[in-house]
């Protein structure tokens, strides 16, 4: 039994347009602020206390962004895209020209998640690999793990 009553408030609706653009993922930056990504390569931020929705939106990839991940502690935003890349941005200055780092996979990247302390990024891709990247300055290392193919 739930000991707490949940309520909801609709504050933004990202509708699919004629070209198939719709929201694909979101991640909370803080309790009332969230980042979202779209199937046309855009990332936006919504502050539910603000009347202007979204607060900002920028195209960061040419293809679908499948996931967006945020580490508020380090002001870092990570995107994973069908263009076979994971990109890292400073949350305070997000645009294509301000990419802090970019990592490539052999095929589309389905997810990129930054750790709570901001020191690692885990990625998954359709090239059947999981990768862990270090974000610690001076440590440009990654570790690959092959995913076994499904047996039918």
N, C-alpha and C. Protein backbone atom coordinates (compact mmCIF):
# COMPACT_ATOMS: atom_id res chain seq x y z
N UNK A 1 0.83 -1.18 0.00
CA UNK A 1 0.00 0.00 0.00
C UNK A 1 0.88 1.24 0.00
N UNK A 2 0.53 2.21 -0.84
CA UNK A 2 1.29 3.45 -0.88
C UNK A 2 0.98 4.29 0.34
N UNK A 3 2.03 4.74 1.00
CA UNK A 3 1.84 5.56 2.18
C UNK A 3 1.83 7.05 1.83
N UNK A 4 1.98 7.33 0.54
CA UNK A 4 2.05 8.71 0.11
C UNK A 4 1.15 8.89 -1.11
N UNK A 5 0.50 10.02 -1.20
CA UNK A 5 -0.36 10.31 -2.34
C UNK A 5 0.46 11.12 -3.35
N UNK A 6 0.47 10.66 -4.59
CA UNK A 6 1.19 11.35 -5.63
C UNK A 6 0.24 12.22 -6.43
N UNK A 7 0.72 13.37 -6.84
CA UNK A 7 -0.08 14.23 -7.70
C UNK A 7 0.75 14.55 -8.94
N UNK A 8 0.12 15.08 -9.96
CA UNK A 8 0.86 15.43 -11.15
C UNK A 8 0.41 16.79 -11.66
N UNK A 9 1.29 17.37 -12.45
CA UNK A 9 1.01 18.64 -13.08
C UNK A 9 1.62 18.58 -14.47
N UNK A 10 0.81 18.80 -15.50
CA UNK A 10 1.35 18.83 -16.85
C UNK A 10 1.89 20.23 -17.09
N UNK A 11 3.18 20.32 -17.39
CA UNK A 11 3.79 21.62 -17.58
C UNK A 11 4.35 21.81 -18.97
N UNK A 12 4.56 20.73 -19.71
CA UNK A 12 5.01 20.86 -21.09
C UNK A 12 4.59 19.61 -21.84
N UNK A 13 4.20 19.80 -23.06
CA UNK A 13 3.88 18.67 -23.92
C UNK A 13 4.73 18.82 -25.17
N UNK A 14 5.53 17.81 -25.44
CA UNK A 14 6.33 17.81 -26.66
C UNK A 14 5.61 16.88 -27.62
N UNK A 15 4.95 17.47 -28.58
CA UNK A 15 4.15 16.70 -29.51
C UNK A 15 4.99 16.29 -30.71
N UNK A 16 4.68 15.11 -31.22
CA UNK A 16 5.35 14.65 -32.42
C UNK A 16 4.87 15.48 -33.59
N UNK A 17 5.81 16.01 -34.38
CA UNK A 17 5.41 16.81 -35.53
C UNK A 17 5.32 15.93 -36.78
N UNK A 18 5.08 16.54 -37.93
CA UNK A 18 4.91 15.81 -39.18
C UNK A 18 6.14 15.00 -39.56
N UNK A 19 7.31 15.43 -39.10
CA UNK A 19 8.54 14.72 -39.42
C UNK A 19 8.93 13.70 -38.35
N UNK A 20 8.04 13.47 -37.39
CA UNK A 20 8.29 12.44 -36.39
C UNK A 20 9.10 12.89 -35.18
N UNK A 21 9.21 14.20 -34.97
CA UNK A 21 9.97 14.68 -33.82
C UNK A 21 9.15 14.53 -32.55
N UNK A 22 9.71 13.91 -31.57
CA UNK A 22 9.07 13.76 -30.27
C UNK A 22 10.14 13.57 -29.21
N UNK A 23 9.77 13.70 -27.97
CA UNK A 23 10.71 13.53 -26.88
C UNK A 23 11.07 12.05 -26.75
N UNK A 24 12.36 11.77 -26.55
CA UNK A 24 12.80 10.39 -26.42
C UNK A 24 13.29 10.03 -25.02
N UNK A 25 13.69 11.03 -24.23
CA UNK A 25 14.19 10.75 -22.88
C UNK A 25 14.22 12.05 -22.10
N UNK A 26 14.28 11.96 -20.77
CA UNK A 26 14.46 13.13 -19.93
C UNK A 26 15.23 12.73 -18.69
N UNK A 27 15.80 13.74 -18.02
CA UNK A 27 16.57 13.52 -16.80
C UNK A 27 16.44 14.78 -15.95
N UNK A 28 16.16 14.60 -14.67
CA UNK A 28 16.03 15.75 -13.78
C UNK A 28 17.40 16.34 -13.46
N UNK A 29 17.48 17.66 -13.57
CA UNK A 29 18.68 18.39 -13.18
C UNK A 29 18.58 18.75 -11.71
N UNK A 30 17.40 19.14 -11.31
CA UNK A 30 17.04 19.39 -9.92
C UNK A 30 15.54 19.12 -9.83
N UNK A 31 14.95 19.14 -8.64
CA UNK A 31 13.55 18.70 -8.51
C UNK A 31 12.54 19.34 -9.48
N UNK A 32 12.70 20.57 -9.87
CA UNK A 32 11.73 21.22 -10.75
C UNK A 32 12.30 21.61 -12.12
N UNK A 33 13.49 21.10 -12.42
CA UNK A 33 14.15 21.41 -13.69
C UNK A 33 14.57 20.11 -14.35
N UNK A 34 14.20 19.95 -15.63
CA UNK A 34 14.58 18.72 -16.32
C UNK A 34 15.13 19.01 -17.70
N UNK A 35 15.99 18.09 -18.16
CA UNK A 35 16.53 18.13 -19.51
C UNK A 35 15.82 17.04 -20.30
N UNK A 36 15.55 17.31 -21.57
CA UNK A 36 14.93 16.31 -22.43
C UNK A 36 15.66 16.28 -23.77
N UNK A 37 15.49 15.21 -24.52
CA UNK A 37 16.07 15.11 -25.86
C UNK A 37 15.00 14.64 -26.83
N UNK A 38 15.26 14.87 -28.14
CA UNK A 38 14.26 14.55 -29.14
C UNK A 38 14.82 13.66 -30.25
N UNK A 39 13.91 13.16 -31.05
CA UNK A 39 14.30 12.28 -32.15
C UNK A 39 14.91 13.05 -33.33
N UNK A 40 14.96 14.37 -33.25
CA UNK A 40 15.61 15.16 -34.30
C UNK A 40 16.91 15.79 -33.84
N UNK A 41 17.46 15.31 -32.71
CA UNK A 41 18.78 15.75 -32.26
C UNK A 41 18.82 16.97 -31.37
N UNK A 42 17.67 17.35 -30.80
CA UNK A 42 17.62 18.52 -29.92
C UNK A 42 17.66 18.11 -28.45
N UNK A 43 18.23 19.01 -27.63
CA UNK A 43 18.17 18.90 -26.18
C UNK A 43 17.58 20.20 -25.67
N UNK A 44 16.69 20.09 -24.70
CA UNK A 44 16.08 21.27 -24.11
C UNK A 44 16.03 21.15 -22.61
N UNK A 45 15.81 22.28 -21.97
CA UNK A 45 15.66 22.32 -20.51
C UNK A 45 14.35 23.02 -20.19
N UNK A 46 13.63 22.44 -19.25
CA UNK A 46 12.36 22.99 -18.79
C UNK A 46 12.45 23.24 -17.29
N UNK A 47 12.13 24.47 -16.89
CA UNK A 47 12.00 24.81 -15.48
C UNK A 47 10.50 24.96 -15.24
N UNK A 48 9.93 24.07 -14.44
CA UNK A 48 8.48 24.05 -14.26
C UNK A 48 7.95 25.29 -13.55
N UNK A 49 8.83 26.06 -12.92
CA UNK A 49 8.40 27.29 -12.25
C UNK A 49 8.30 28.46 -13.21
N UNK A 50 8.87 28.29 -14.42
CA UNK A 50 8.91 29.35 -15.42
C UNK A 50 7.74 29.20 -16.38
N UNK A 51 7.18 30.29 -16.81
CA UNK A 51 6.06 30.25 -17.75
C UNK A 51 6.52 29.96 -19.18
N UNK A 52 7.79 30.20 -19.47
CA UNK A 52 8.32 29.97 -20.81
C UNK A 52 8.77 28.51 -20.92
N UNK A 53 8.14 27.77 -21.81
CA UNK A 53 8.49 26.35 -21.98
C UNK A 53 8.89 26.10 -23.42
N UNK A 54 10.00 25.50 -23.73
CA UNK A 54 11.10 25.19 -22.82
C UNK A 54 11.92 26.44 -22.50
N UNK A 55 12.74 26.34 -21.45
CA UNK A 55 13.60 27.45 -21.07
C UNK A 55 14.63 27.72 -22.17
N UNK A 56 15.17 26.64 -22.74
CA UNK A 56 16.04 26.73 -23.93
C UNK A 56 16.05 25.39 -24.63
N UNK A 57 16.42 25.41 -25.92
CA UNK A 57 16.49 24.20 -26.72
C UNK A 57 17.54 24.41 -27.81
N UNK A 58 18.45 23.43 -28.00
CA UNK A 58 19.49 23.51 -29.02
C UNK A 58 19.63 22.18 -29.73
N UNK A 59 19.95 22.24 -31.03
CA UNK A 59 20.24 21.01 -31.76
C UNK A 59 21.71 20.66 -31.54
N UNK A 60 21.96 19.47 -30.97
CA UNK A 60 23.32 19.05 -30.64
C UNK A 60 23.82 17.92 -31.53
N UNK A 61 22.91 17.21 -32.18
CA UNK A 61 23.26 16.12 -33.10
C UNK A 61 22.37 16.23 -34.33
N UNK A 62 22.84 15.64 -35.44
CA UNK A 62 22.05 15.63 -36.67
C UNK A 62 21.02 14.51 -36.68
N UNK A 63 21.22 13.51 -35.84
CA UNK A 63 20.29 12.39 -35.77
C UNK A 63 19.68 12.29 -34.38
N UNK A 64 18.78 11.36 -34.21
CA UNK A 64 18.07 11.14 -32.94
C UNK A 64 19.02 11.05 -31.76
N UNK A 65 18.63 11.71 -30.67
CA UNK A 65 19.30 11.53 -29.39
C UNK A 65 18.43 10.59 -28.59
N UNK A 66 18.98 9.44 -28.23
CA UNK A 66 18.22 8.42 -27.52
C UNK A 66 18.19 8.60 -26.03
N UNK A 67 19.21 9.28 -25.49
CA UNK A 67 19.21 9.50 -24.05
C UNK A 67 19.97 10.77 -23.70
N UNK A 68 19.59 11.34 -22.57
CA UNK A 68 20.27 12.50 -22.01
C UNK A 68 20.47 12.20 -20.53
N UNK A 69 21.68 12.48 -20.04
CA UNK A 69 22.01 12.21 -18.65
C UNK A 69 22.68 13.45 -18.07
N UNK A 70 22.41 13.72 -16.79
CA UNK A 70 22.91 14.94 -16.16
C UNK A 70 23.57 14.62 -14.83
N UNK A 71 24.71 15.26 -14.58
CA UNK A 71 25.33 15.23 -13.26
C UNK A 71 25.34 16.67 -12.76
N UNK A 72 24.45 16.97 -11.84
CA UNK A 72 24.33 18.34 -11.30
C UNK A 72 25.58 18.74 -10.51
N UNK A 73 26.22 17.76 -9.89
CA UNK A 73 27.41 18.04 -9.07
C UNK A 73 28.54 18.65 -9.91
N UNK A 74 28.68 18.18 -11.16
CA UNK A 74 29.76 18.68 -12.02
C UNK A 74 29.23 19.53 -13.19
N UNK A 75 27.92 19.82 -13.20
CA UNK A 75 27.29 20.59 -14.28
C UNK A 75 27.59 19.98 -15.65
N UNK A 76 27.45 18.66 -15.73
CA UNK A 76 27.77 17.94 -16.96
C UNK A 76 26.51 17.32 -17.55
N UNK A 77 26.36 17.44 -18.88
CA UNK A 77 25.26 16.85 -19.61
C UNK A 77 25.85 15.91 -20.66
N UNK A 78 25.30 14.71 -20.77
CA UNK A 78 25.77 13.69 -21.71
C UNK A 78 24.63 13.30 -22.64
N UNK A 79 24.91 13.25 -23.95
CA UNK A 79 23.92 12.81 -24.92
C UNK A 79 24.43 11.56 -25.65
N UNK A 80 23.51 10.66 -25.99
CA UNK A 80 23.83 9.47 -26.77
C UNK A 80 22.97 9.50 -28.02
N UNK A 81 23.61 9.33 -29.19
CA UNK A 81 22.90 9.58 -30.44
C UNK A 81 23.01 8.46 -31.45
N UNK A 82 22.07 8.45 -32.38
CA UNK A 82 22.11 7.51 -33.50
C UNK A 82 23.22 7.86 -34.49
N UNK A 83 23.91 8.99 -34.31
CA UNK A 83 25.04 9.32 -35.17
C UNK A 83 26.32 8.62 -34.72
N UNK A 84 26.17 7.63 -33.83
CA UNK A 84 27.27 6.78 -33.33
C UNK A 84 28.17 7.48 -32.33
N UNK A 85 27.71 8.58 -31.72
CA UNK A 85 28.54 9.30 -30.76
C UNK A 85 27.84 9.54 -29.44
N UNK A 86 28.68 9.73 -28.43
CA UNK A 86 28.26 10.22 -27.12
C UNK A 86 28.97 11.55 -26.97
N UNK A 87 28.25 12.60 -26.61
CA UNK A 87 28.85 13.92 -26.47
C UNK A 87 28.68 14.41 -25.03
N UNK A 88 29.69 15.16 -24.56
CA UNK A 88 29.70 15.68 -23.19
C UNK A 88 29.74 17.20 -23.26
N UNK A 89 28.86 17.84 -22.48
CA UNK A 89 28.74 19.30 -22.48
C UNK A 89 28.76 19.84 -21.06
N UNK A 90 29.19 21.10 -20.92
CA UNK A 90 29.02 21.83 -19.67
C UNK A 90 27.58 22.32 -19.66
N UNK A 91 26.83 21.93 -18.66
CA UNK A 91 25.40 22.25 -18.57
C UNK A 91 25.14 23.76 -18.58
N UNK A 92 26.11 24.55 -18.18
CA UNK A 92 25.93 26.01 -18.12
C UNK A 92 26.11 26.67 -19.49
N UNK A 93 26.64 25.91 -20.48
CA UNK A 93 26.87 26.46 -21.82
C UNK A 93 26.73 25.32 -22.83
N UNK A 94 25.49 24.99 -23.16
CA UNK A 94 25.23 23.85 -24.04
C UNK A 94 24.95 24.32 -25.47
N UNK A 95 25.88 24.03 -26.36
CA UNK A 95 25.67 24.20 -27.80
C UNK A 95 26.69 23.34 -28.53
N UNK A 96 26.49 23.15 -29.83
CA UNK A 96 27.35 22.26 -30.60
C UNK A 96 28.82 22.64 -30.54
N UNK A 97 29.10 23.93 -30.47
CA UNK A 97 30.48 24.40 -30.50
C UNK A 97 31.19 24.24 -29.16
N UNK A 98 30.44 23.96 -28.11
CA UNK A 98 31.06 23.87 -26.78
C UNK A 98 31.14 22.43 -26.26
N UNK A 99 31.23 21.46 -27.17
CA UNK A 99 31.36 20.07 -26.75
C UNK A 99 32.67 19.89 -26.00
N UNK A 100 32.59 19.32 -24.79
CA UNK A 100 33.80 19.08 -23.99
C UNK A 100 34.53 17.83 -24.46
N UNK A 101 33.76 16.82 -24.88
CA UNK A 101 34.35 15.56 -25.35
C UNK A 101 33.32 14.84 -26.19
N UNK A 102 33.81 13.97 -27.06
CA UNK A 102 32.94 13.16 -27.89
C UNK A 102 33.58 11.78 -28.04
N UNK A 103 32.77 10.74 -27.88
CA UNK A 103 33.26 9.37 -27.99
C UNK A 103 32.47 8.65 -29.07
N UNK A 104 33.15 7.82 -29.86
CA UNK A 104 32.49 7.14 -30.97
C UNK A 104 32.30 5.66 -30.70
N UNK A 105 31.23 5.13 -31.23
CA UNK A 105 30.96 3.69 -31.26
C UNK A 105 30.85 3.29 -32.73
N UNK A 106 30.85 2.00 -33.00
CA UNK A 106 30.75 1.51 -34.36
C UNK A 106 29.35 1.62 -34.94
N UNK A 107 28.36 1.70 -34.08
CA UNK A 107 26.96 1.83 -34.51
C UNK A 107 26.26 2.81 -33.58
N UNK A 108 24.95 3.00 -33.78
CA UNK A 108 24.18 3.96 -32.98
C UNK A 108 24.34 3.69 -31.48
N UNK A 109 24.45 4.77 -30.72
CA UNK A 109 24.59 4.67 -29.27
C UNK A 109 23.19 4.79 -28.67
N UNK A 110 22.77 3.78 -27.93
CA UNK A 110 21.41 3.77 -27.40
C UNK A 110 21.30 4.47 -26.05
N UNK A 111 22.40 4.53 -25.28
CA UNK A 111 22.32 5.15 -23.97
C UNK A 111 23.70 5.61 -23.51
N UNK A 112 23.72 6.72 -22.80
CA UNK A 112 24.94 7.23 -22.17
C UNK A 112 24.55 7.80 -20.83
N UNK A 113 25.13 7.28 -19.77
CA UNK A 113 24.76 7.70 -18.41
C UNK A 113 26.01 8.13 -17.66
N UNK A 114 25.96 9.32 -17.07
CA UNK A 114 27.08 9.81 -16.28
C UNK A 114 26.86 9.42 -14.82
N UNK A 115 27.94 9.07 -14.14
CA UNK A 115 27.84 8.64 -12.74
C UNK A 115 27.46 9.81 -11.84
N UNK A 116 27.01 9.48 -10.65
CA UNK A 116 26.57 10.49 -9.69
C UNK A 116 27.68 11.47 -9.33
N UNK A 117 28.94 10.99 -9.30
CA UNK A 117 30.06 11.88 -8.97
C UNK A 117 30.67 12.54 -10.21
N UNK A 118 30.15 12.20 -11.41
CA UNK A 118 30.60 12.82 -12.64
C UNK A 118 31.92 12.30 -13.17
N UNK A 119 32.46 11.22 -12.61
CA UNK A 119 33.78 10.75 -13.00
C UNK A 119 33.77 9.63 -14.04
N UNK A 120 32.61 9.07 -14.35
CA UNK A 120 32.53 7.99 -15.33
C UNK A 120 31.28 8.13 -16.17
N UNK A 121 31.39 7.66 -17.42
CA UNK A 121 30.24 7.62 -18.32
C UNK A 121 30.13 6.19 -18.84
N UNK A 122 28.96 5.59 -18.68
CA UNK A 122 28.68 4.25 -19.20
C UNK A 122 27.86 4.41 -20.46
N UNK A 123 28.28 3.75 -21.56
CA UNK A 123 27.54 3.82 -22.81
C UNK A 123 27.17 2.42 -23.29
N UNK A 124 26.05 2.33 -23.99
CA UNK A 124 25.64 1.10 -24.64
C UNK A 124 25.37 1.43 -26.10
N UNK A 125 25.67 0.46 -26.97
CA UNK A 125 25.54 0.72 -28.39
C UNK A 125 25.06 -0.52 -29.13
N UNK A 126 24.54 -0.27 -30.34
CA UNK A 126 24.12 -1.37 -31.20
C UNK A 126 25.31 -2.10 -31.82
N UNK A 127 26.54 -1.70 -31.48
CA UNK A 127 27.71 -2.46 -31.89
C UNK A 127 28.05 -3.55 -30.87
N UNK A 128 27.10 -3.81 -29.96
CA UNK A 128 27.20 -4.86 -28.95
C UNK A 128 28.31 -4.63 -27.92
N UNK A 129 28.57 -3.37 -27.60
CA UNK A 129 29.56 -3.08 -26.56
C UNK A 129 28.96 -2.19 -25.47
N UNK A 130 29.49 -2.37 -24.28
CA UNK A 130 29.29 -1.45 -23.17
C UNK A 130 30.64 -0.80 -22.98
N UNK A 131 30.67 0.49 -22.81
CA UNK A 131 31.95 1.17 -22.59
C UNK A 131 31.84 2.04 -21.35
N UNK A 132 32.93 2.10 -20.62
CA UNK A 132 33.02 2.98 -19.46
C UNK A 132 34.15 3.95 -19.73
N UNK A 133 33.83 5.24 -19.75
CA UNK A 133 34.81 6.29 -19.99
C UNK A 133 35.09 7.01 -18.69
N UNK A 134 36.34 7.36 -18.48
CA UNK A 134 36.72 8.17 -17.32
C UNK A 134 36.65 9.64 -17.73
N UNK A 135 36.06 10.46 -16.87
CA UNK A 135 35.99 11.89 -17.13
C UNK A 135 36.98 12.68 -16.27
N UNK A 136 37.81 11.95 -15.51
CA UNK A 136 38.80 12.60 -14.66
C UNK A 136 39.87 13.21 -15.55
N UNK A 137 40.20 14.46 -15.30
CA UNK A 137 41.18 15.17 -16.13
C UNK A 137 42.49 14.38 -16.18
N UNK A 138 43.00 14.21 -17.37
CA UNK A 138 44.25 13.47 -17.55
C UNK A 138 44.06 11.97 -17.71
N UNK A 139 42.83 11.48 -17.51
CA UNK A 139 42.55 10.06 -17.66
C UNK A 139 41.62 9.85 -18.85
N UNK A 140 42.16 9.74 -20.03
CA UNK A 140 41.34 9.52 -21.22
C UNK A 140 41.27 8.02 -21.51
N UNK A 141 40.74 7.27 -20.57
CA UNK A 141 40.68 5.82 -20.72
C UNK A 141 39.25 5.37 -20.95
N UNK A 142 39.14 4.24 -21.62
CA UNK A 142 37.84 3.60 -21.76
C UNK A 142 38.03 2.10 -21.63
N UNK A 143 36.99 1.42 -21.21
CA UNK A 143 37.02 -0.04 -21.10
C UNK A 143 35.84 -0.58 -21.89
N UNK A 144 36.12 -1.53 -22.79
CA UNK A 144 35.08 -2.16 -23.60
C UNK A 144 34.67 -3.49 -23.00
N UNK A 145 33.40 -3.76 -23.03
CA UNK A 145 32.88 -5.08 -22.65
C UNK A 145 31.98 -5.54 -23.78
N UNK A 146 32.25 -6.69 -24.33
CA UNK A 146 31.44 -7.25 -25.41
C UNK A 146 30.18 -7.86 -24.81
N UNK A 147 29.04 -7.56 -25.42
CA UNK A 147 27.77 -8.14 -24.99
C UNK A 147 27.55 -9.41 -25.80
N UNK A 148 27.21 -10.50 -25.16
CA UNK A 148 26.93 -11.73 -25.92
C UNK A 148 25.70 -11.55 -26.78
N UNK A 149 25.73 -12.14 -27.95
CA UNK A 149 24.58 -12.07 -28.85
C UNK A 149 23.50 -13.02 -28.34
N UNK A 150 22.28 -12.63 -28.53
CA UNK A 150 21.15 -13.46 -28.08
C UNK A 150 21.15 -14.77 -28.85
N UNK A 151 20.89 -15.84 -28.14
CA UNK A 151 20.81 -17.17 -28.75
C UNK A 151 19.34 -17.56 -28.81
N UNK A 152 18.90 -17.92 -30.02
CA UNK A 152 17.49 -18.28 -30.20
C UNK A 152 17.34 -19.77 -30.35
